[in-house]
Amino acid sequence: MARTLDLLPVARQGASGPNPRPRNARLTNKTCLLQITEKGTFKITGGTGRYKGASGTGTYLMNLIGIGAKLKSGACNPSQSAVPVAWHQEINAVGSVKLP
């Protein structure tokens, strides 16, 4: 039996560019521990299936903690494309939605 998934897309707002810089980012050079906090607004932009035509707005808070990759020299890899060794991310969002 085929299963379908109804989607409710959420777009981040209030930031410029496709990858806005977090408001608070820290990297500990000795351990390559990365901590990022970002807060902002979002907009519900429609949906599929039973969520088609949904709308709404809200705010979010994103917290990320991770261990960055190291170079052969033992220094933290500064490349933004470097894959972290481990990471955990939480997004808490509050808002309102109008369903069709």
Foldseek 3Di string as FASTA:
>chain_A
DDDDDKDFDKAFDDADDPDGDAPDWDADWQFRKIKGKHKGKIWGDAIDDQRGPKIWMWMKIKIKIFHADADPVNTGDPDPPGDTPDMDMDMDIDIDMDGD
